[in-house]
Amino acid sequence: MQASIASILDSLKRSDLEEAKRKIQALTPEVRTERERGGLLAATGIYASMSRAKEGTMQTWDSARIERAAKSITVSQMSDEFDIGYAETLLNYSKLTLSSQQPAG
């Protein structure tokens, strides 16, 4: 499941919204746990934001801010498996977008 969500995030990173949409739709019936449900919901939220944005990109995506928010979710005593899956997916997407912004060394 993690590999499938990572594949969706990769499609989103490349702004291939049609591919991401197909992958989300294919993965939805396969979700079995709350953690998977949270991860897929985060990917779906990123997709929804990008599909409404100009040129299919997240104009207001601030990787550092997202990373702080996701980490605060994971350390909260009130977070559950759903929250952890959601936060992990946000962190993974943040890392993907951050690495694509780094100049090749």
N, C-alpha and C. Protein backbone atom coordinates (compact mmCIF):
# COMPACT_ATOMS: atom_id res chain seq x y z
N MET A 1 0.83 -1.19 0.00
CA MET A 1 0.00 0.00 0.00
C MET A 1 0.87 1.26 0.00
N GLN A 2 1.95 1.25 0.81
CA GLN A 2 2.84 2.41 0.85
C GLN A 2 3.43 2.69 -0.52
N ALA A 3 3.79 1.64 -1.25
CA ALA A 3 4.35 1.82 -2.59
C ALA A 3 3.32 2.44 -3.53
N SER A 4 2.07 2.04 -3.39
CA SER A 4 1.01 2.59 -4.23
C SER A 4 0.78 4.07 -3.94
N ILE A 5 0.80 4.43 -2.66
CA ILE A 5 0.64 5.84 -2.30
C ILE A 5 1.85 6.64 -2.77
N ALA A 6 3.04 6.06 -2.65
CA ALA A 6 4.25 6.73 -3.14
C ALA A 6 4.16 6.96 -4.65
N SER A 7 3.57 6.02 -5.36
CA SER A 7 3.40 6.16 -6.80
C SER A 7 2.45 7.31 -7.13
N ILE A 8 1.39 7.46 -6.33
CA ILE A 8 0.46 8.58 -6.51
C ILE A 8 1.20 9.89 -6.26
N LEU A 9 1.99 9.94 -5.19
CA LEU A 9 2.73 11.17 -4.86
C LEU A 9 3.71 11.53 -5.97
N ASP A 10 4.33 10.52 -6.57
CA ASP A 10 5.25 10.78 -7.68
C ASP A 10 4.50 11.39 -8.86
N SER A 11 3.33 10.87 -9.17
CA SER A 11 2.51 11.44 -10.25
C SER A 11 2.15 12.88 -9.93
N LEU A 12 1.81 13.14 -8.67
CA LEU A 12 1.47 14.51 -8.28
C LEU A 12 2.68 15.43 -8.38
N LYS A 13 3.84 14.93 -7.98
CA LYS A 13 5.06 15.74 -8.06
C LYS A 13 5.32 16.17 -9.52
N ARG A 14 5.03 15.26 -10.44
CA ARG A 14 5.22 15.56 -11.87
C ARG A 14 4.03 16.31 -12.47
N SER A 15 3.05 16.64 -11.64
CA SER A 15 1.82 17.32 -12.06
C SER A 15 1.05 16.52 -13.11
N ASP A 16 1.15 15.20 -13.06
CA ASP A 16 0.38 14.33 -13.94
C ASP A 16 -0.91 13.97 -13.21
N LEU A 17 -1.86 14.89 -13.27
CA LEU A 17 -3.08 14.77 -12.48
C LEU A 17 -3.98 13.64 -12.95
N GLU A 18 -4.03 13.40 -14.25
CA GLU A 18 -4.86 12.30 -14.75
C GLU A 18 -4.35 10.96 -14.26
N GLU A 19 -3.03 10.78 -14.29
CA GLU A 19 -2.45 9.53 -13.80
C GLU A 19 -2.70 9.38 -12.30
N ALA A 20 -2.51 10.46 -11.55
CA ALA A 20 -2.75 10.41 -10.11
C ALA A 20 -4.21 10.06 -9.82
N LYS A 21 -5.13 10.64 -10.56
CA LYS A 21 -6.55 10.36 -10.36
C LYS A 21 -6.85 8.88 -10.62
N ARG A 22 -6.30 8.32 -11.69
CA ARG A 22 -6.52 6.90 -11.99
C ARG A 22 -5.98 6.02 -10.86
N LYS A 23 -4.80 6.36 -10.37
CA LYS A 23 -4.19 5.57 -9.29
C LYS A 23 -5.00 5.66 -8.01
N ILE A 24 -5.49 6.85 -7.69
CA ILE A 24 -6.32 7.03 -6.49
C ILE A 24 -7.59 6.19 -6.60
N GLN A 25 -8.23 6.26 -7.76
CA GLN A 25 -9.47 5.50 -7.96
C GLN A 25 -9.22 3.99 -7.88
N ALA A 26 -8.09 3.54 -8.41
CA ALA A 26 -7.77 2.11 -8.37
C ALA A 26 -7.43 1.65 -6.95
N LEU A 27 -6.83 2.52 -6.18
CA LEU A 27 -6.38 2.15 -4.83
C LEU A 27 -7.49 2.22 -3.79
N THR A 28 -8.47 3.05 -4.01
CA THR A 28 -9.51 3.28 -3.01
C THR A 28 -10.16 1.99 -2.49
N PRO A 29 -10.56 1.05 -3.36
CA PRO A 29 -11.20 -0.16 -2.82
C PRO A 29 -10.24 -1.10 -2.07
N GLU A 30 -8.94 -0.88 -2.21
CA GLU A 30 -7.95 -1.75 -1.58
C GLU A 30 -7.57 -1.31 -0.16
N VAL A 31 -8.01 -0.14 0.26
CA VAL A 31 -7.67 0.38 1.59
C VAL A 31 -8.32 -0.50 2.66
N ARG A 32 -7.50 -0.96 3.60
CA ARG A 32 -8.00 -1.86 4.64
C ARG A 32 -7.83 -1.32 6.06
N THR A 33 -6.84 -0.47 6.28
CA THR A 33 -6.58 0.00 7.64
C THR A 33 -6.81 1.50 7.74
N GLU A 34 -6.92 1.98 8.96
CA GLU A 34 -7.08 3.41 9.18
C GLU A 34 -5.84 4.18 8.73
N ARG A 35 -4.67 3.61 8.92
CA ARG A 35 -3.44 4.27 8.49
C ARG A 35 -3.42 4.43 6.97
N GLU A 36 -3.83 3.38 6.25
CA GLU A 36 -3.92 3.45 4.79
C GLU A 36 -4.96 4.48 4.37
N ARG A 37 -6.07 4.50 5.08
CA ARG A 37 -7.15 5.46 4.78
C ARG A 37 -6.65 6.90 4.95
N GLY A 38 -5.89 7.14 6.01
CA GLY A 38 -5.33 8.47 6.24
C GLY A 38 -4.33 8.87 5.15
N GLY A 39 -3.49 7.91 4.75
CA GLY A 39 -2.52 8.18 3.70
C GLY A 39 -3.18 8.50 2.37
N LEU A 40 -4.19 7.72 2.03
CA LEU A 40 -4.90 7.95 0.77
C LEU A 40 -5.66 9.28 0.81
N LEU A 41 -6.23 9.61 1.96
CA LEU A 41 -6.94 10.89 2.07
C LEU A 41 -5.99 12.06 1.88
N ALA A 42 -4.79 11.97 2.44
CA ALA A 42 -3.81 13.04 2.26
C ALA A 42 -3.44 13.18 0.78
N ALA A 43 -3.20 12.06 0.10
CA ALA A 43 -2.87 12.10 -1.33
C ALA A 43 -4.04 12.68 -2.13
N THR A 44 -5.25 12.30 -1.76
CA THR A 44 -6.44 12.81 -2.44
C THR A 44 -6.58 14.32 -2.22
N GLY A 45 -6.25 14.78 -1.02
CA GLY A 45 -6.31 16.21 -0.74
C GLY A 45 -5.30 17.00 -1.55
N ILE A 46 -4.10 16.45 -1.68
CA ILE A 46 -3.08 17.11 -2.50
C ILE A 46 -3.56 17.16 -3.94
N TYR A 47 -4.09 16.04 -4.42
CA TYR A 47 -4.63 15.99 -5.79
C TYR A 47 -5.72 17.04 -5.98
N ALA A 48 -6.66 17.13 -5.04
CA ALA A 48 -7.77 18.08 -5.15
C ALA A 48 -7.25 19.52 -5.20
N SER A 49 -6.28 19.83 -4.36
CA SER A 49 -5.71 21.18 -4.35
C SER A 49 -5.03 21.49 -5.66
N MET A 50 -4.30 20.52 -6.18
CA MET A 50 -3.59 20.75 -7.44
C MET A 50 -4.54 20.85 -8.62
N SER A 51 -5.61 20.08 -8.60
CA SER A 51 -6.55 20.11 -9.73
C SER A 51 -7.29 21.44 -9.81
N ARG A 52 -7.37 22.14 -8.68
CA ARG A 52 -8.01 23.46 -8.67
C ARG A 52 -7.01 24.60 -8.86
N ALA A 53 -5.73 24.29 -8.76
CA ALA A 53 -4.69 25.32 -8.84
C ALA A 53 -4.33 25.63 -10.28
N LYS A 54 -3.67 26.74 -10.45
CA LYS A 54 -3.18 27.12 -11.77
C LYS A 54 -2.05 26.19 -12.18
N GLU A 55 -2.09 25.74 -13.41
CA GLU A 55 -1.04 24.93 -14.01
C GLU A 55 -0.77 23.63 -13.27
N GLY A 56 -1.71 23.14 -12.47
CA GLY A 56 -1.57 21.86 -11.81
C GLY A 56 -0.44 21.76 -10.81
N THR A 57 -0.13 22.85 -10.13
CA THR A 57 0.92 22.82 -9.11
C THR A 57 0.37 23.39 -7.81
N MET A 58 1.04 23.07 -6.73
CA MET A 58 0.65 23.60 -5.42
C MET A 58 1.36 24.93 -5.24
N GLN A 59 0.67 26.00 -5.52
CA GLN A 59 1.28 27.32 -5.47
C GLN A 59 1.69 27.73 -4.06
N THR A 60 0.94 27.30 -3.06
CA THR A 60 1.22 27.75 -1.70
C THR A 60 1.87 26.67 -0.84
N TRP A 61 2.39 25.63 -1.48
CA TRP A 61 3.00 24.53 -0.72
C TRP A 61 4.31 25.01 -0.11
N ASP A 62 4.37 25.01 1.19
CA ASP A 62 5.58 25.37 1.92
C ASP A 62 6.06 24.11 2.63
N SER A 63 7.08 23.48 2.09
CA SER A 63 7.55 22.19 2.61
C SER A 63 7.90 22.25 4.08
N ALA A 64 8.56 23.30 4.50
CA ALA A 64 8.96 23.41 5.91
C ALA A 64 7.74 23.50 6.82
N ARG A 65 6.75 24.26 6.42
CA ARG A 65 5.54 24.41 7.24
C ARG A 65 4.76 23.09 7.30
N ILE A 66 4.66 22.42 6.17
CA ILE A 66 3.95 21.14 6.12
C ILE A 66 4.68 20.11 6.99
N GLU A 67 6.00 20.11 6.93
CA GLU A 67 6.78 19.18 7.72
C GLU A 67 6.56 19.41 9.23
N ARG A 68 6.56 20.66 9.64
CA ARG A 68 6.31 20.98 11.05
C ARG A 68 4.92 20.52 11.48
N ALA A 69 3.93 20.78 10.65
CA ALA A 69 2.56 20.39 10.98
C ALA A 69 2.43 18.88 11.06
N ALA A 70 3.00 18.18 10.10
CA ALA A 70 2.92 16.71 10.09
C ALA A 70 3.62 16.11 11.30
N LYS A 71 4.77 16.66 11.66
CA LYS A 71 5.48 16.15 12.83
C LYS A 71 4.69 16.41 14.11
N SER A 72 4.00 17.54 14.18
CA SER A 72 3.22 17.82 15.39
C SER A 72 2.04 16.84 15.49
N ILE A 73 1.53 16.40 14.36
CA ILE A 73 0.45 15.41 14.38
C ILE A 73 0.98 14.08 14.93
N THR A 74 2.13 13.68 14.47
CA THR A 74 2.64 12.36 14.86
C THR A 74 3.06 12.30 16.33
N VAL A 75 3.41 13.42 16.93
CA VAL A 75 3.82 13.40 18.34
C VAL A 75 2.64 13.67 19.29
N SER A 76 1.51 14.04 18.74
CA SER A 76 0.34 14.32 19.58
C SER A 76 -0.15 13.03 20.23
N GLN A 77 -0.46 13.12 21.50
CA GLN A 77 -0.97 11.96 22.21
C GLN A 77 -2.38 11.59 21.75
N MET A 78 -3.04 12.50 21.07
CA MET A 78 -4.40 12.24 20.60
C MET A 78 -4.42 11.68 19.18
N SER A 79 -3.27 11.58 18.52
CA SER A 79 -3.28 11.09 17.14
C SER A 79 -3.52 9.58 17.13
N ASP A 80 -4.20 9.13 16.09
CA ASP A 80 -4.46 7.70 15.93
C ASP A 80 -3.81 7.23 14.63
N GLU A 81 -4.07 6.01 14.24
CA GLU A 81 -3.46 5.45 13.03
C GLU A 81 -3.82 6.25 11.78
N PHE A 82 -5.05 6.73 11.71
CA PHE A 82 -5.48 7.55 10.58
C PHE A 82 -4.61 8.80 10.48
N ASP A 83 -4.45 9.49 11.61
CA ASP A 83 -3.66 10.72 11.65
C ASP A 83 -2.21 10.45 11.25
N ILE A 84 -1.67 9.35 11.72
CA ILE A 84 -0.28 9.01 11.41
C ILE A 84 -0.11 8.75 9.92
N GLY A 85 -1.05 8.01 9.32
CA GLY A 85 -0.99 7.76 7.88
C GLY A 85 -1.08 9.06 7.08
N TYR A 86 -1.95 9.95 7.52
CA TYR A 86 -2.12 11.25 6.87
C TYR A 86 -0.82 12.05 6.95
N ALA A 87 -0.26 12.13 8.16
CA ALA A 87 0.96 12.91 8.37
C ALA A 87 2.14 12.32 7.60
N GLU A 88 2.26 11.01 7.58
CA GLU A 88 3.35 10.36 6.85
C GLU A 88 3.29 10.69 5.36
N THR A 89 2.09 10.68 4.81
CA THR A 89 1.94 10.99 3.39
C THR A 89 2.31 12.43 3.10
N LEU A 90 1.89 13.35 3.97
CA LEU A 90 2.28 14.76 3.79
C LEU A 90 3.80 14.91 3.85
N LEU A 91 4.43 14.23 4.80
CA LEU A 91 5.89 14.30 4.91
C LEU A 91 6.56 13.73 3.68
N ASN A 92 6.05 12.61 3.19
CA ASN A 92 6.65 12.00 2.00
C ASN A 92 6.53 12.92 0.79
N TYR A 93 5.37 13.56 0.63
CA TYR A 93 5.21 14.48 -0.49
C TYR A 93 6.11 15.70 -0.32
N SER A 94 6.23 16.17 0.89
CA SER A 94 7.10 17.31 1.17
C SER A 94 8.54 16.98 0.79
N LYS A 95 8.99 15.79 1.16
CA LYS A 95 10.36 15.38 0.81
C LYS A 95 10.54 15.26 -0.70
N LEU A 96 9.53 14.74 -1.38
CA LEU A 96 9.60 14.63 -2.85
C LEU A 96 9.72 16.00 -3.50
N THR A 97 8.90 16.94 -3.07
CA THR A 97 8.92 18.26 -3.69
C THR A 97 10.20 19.00 -3.31
N LEU A 98 10.69 18.79 -2.11
CA LEU A 98 11.91 19.44 -1.67
C LEU A 98 13.09 18.94 -2.49
N SER A 99 13.16 17.63 -2.72
CA SER A 99 14.28 17.07 -3.48
C SER A 99 14.24 17.50 -4.95
N SER A 100 13.04 17.73 -5.49
CA SER A 100 12.95 18.17 -6.88
C SER A 100 13.33 19.64 -7.03
N GLN A 101 13.30 20.40 -5.93
CA GLN A 101 13.66 21.81 -5.97
C GLN A 101 15.16 22.02 -5.76
N GLN A 102 15.84 20.99 -5.23
CA GLN A 102 17.27 21.09 -4.97
C GLN A 102 18.03 21.05 -6.29
N PRO A 103 19.02 21.90 -6.48
CA PRO A 103 19.81 21.83 -7.71
C PRO A 103 20.63 20.54 -7.72
N ALA A 104 20.76 19.97 -8.89
CA ALA A 104 21.52 18.72 -9.02
C ALA A 104 22.99 19.02 -8.75
N GLY A 105 23.62 18.18 -7.95
CA GLY A 105 24.97 18.45 -7.54
C GLY A 105 25.91 17.69 -8.31
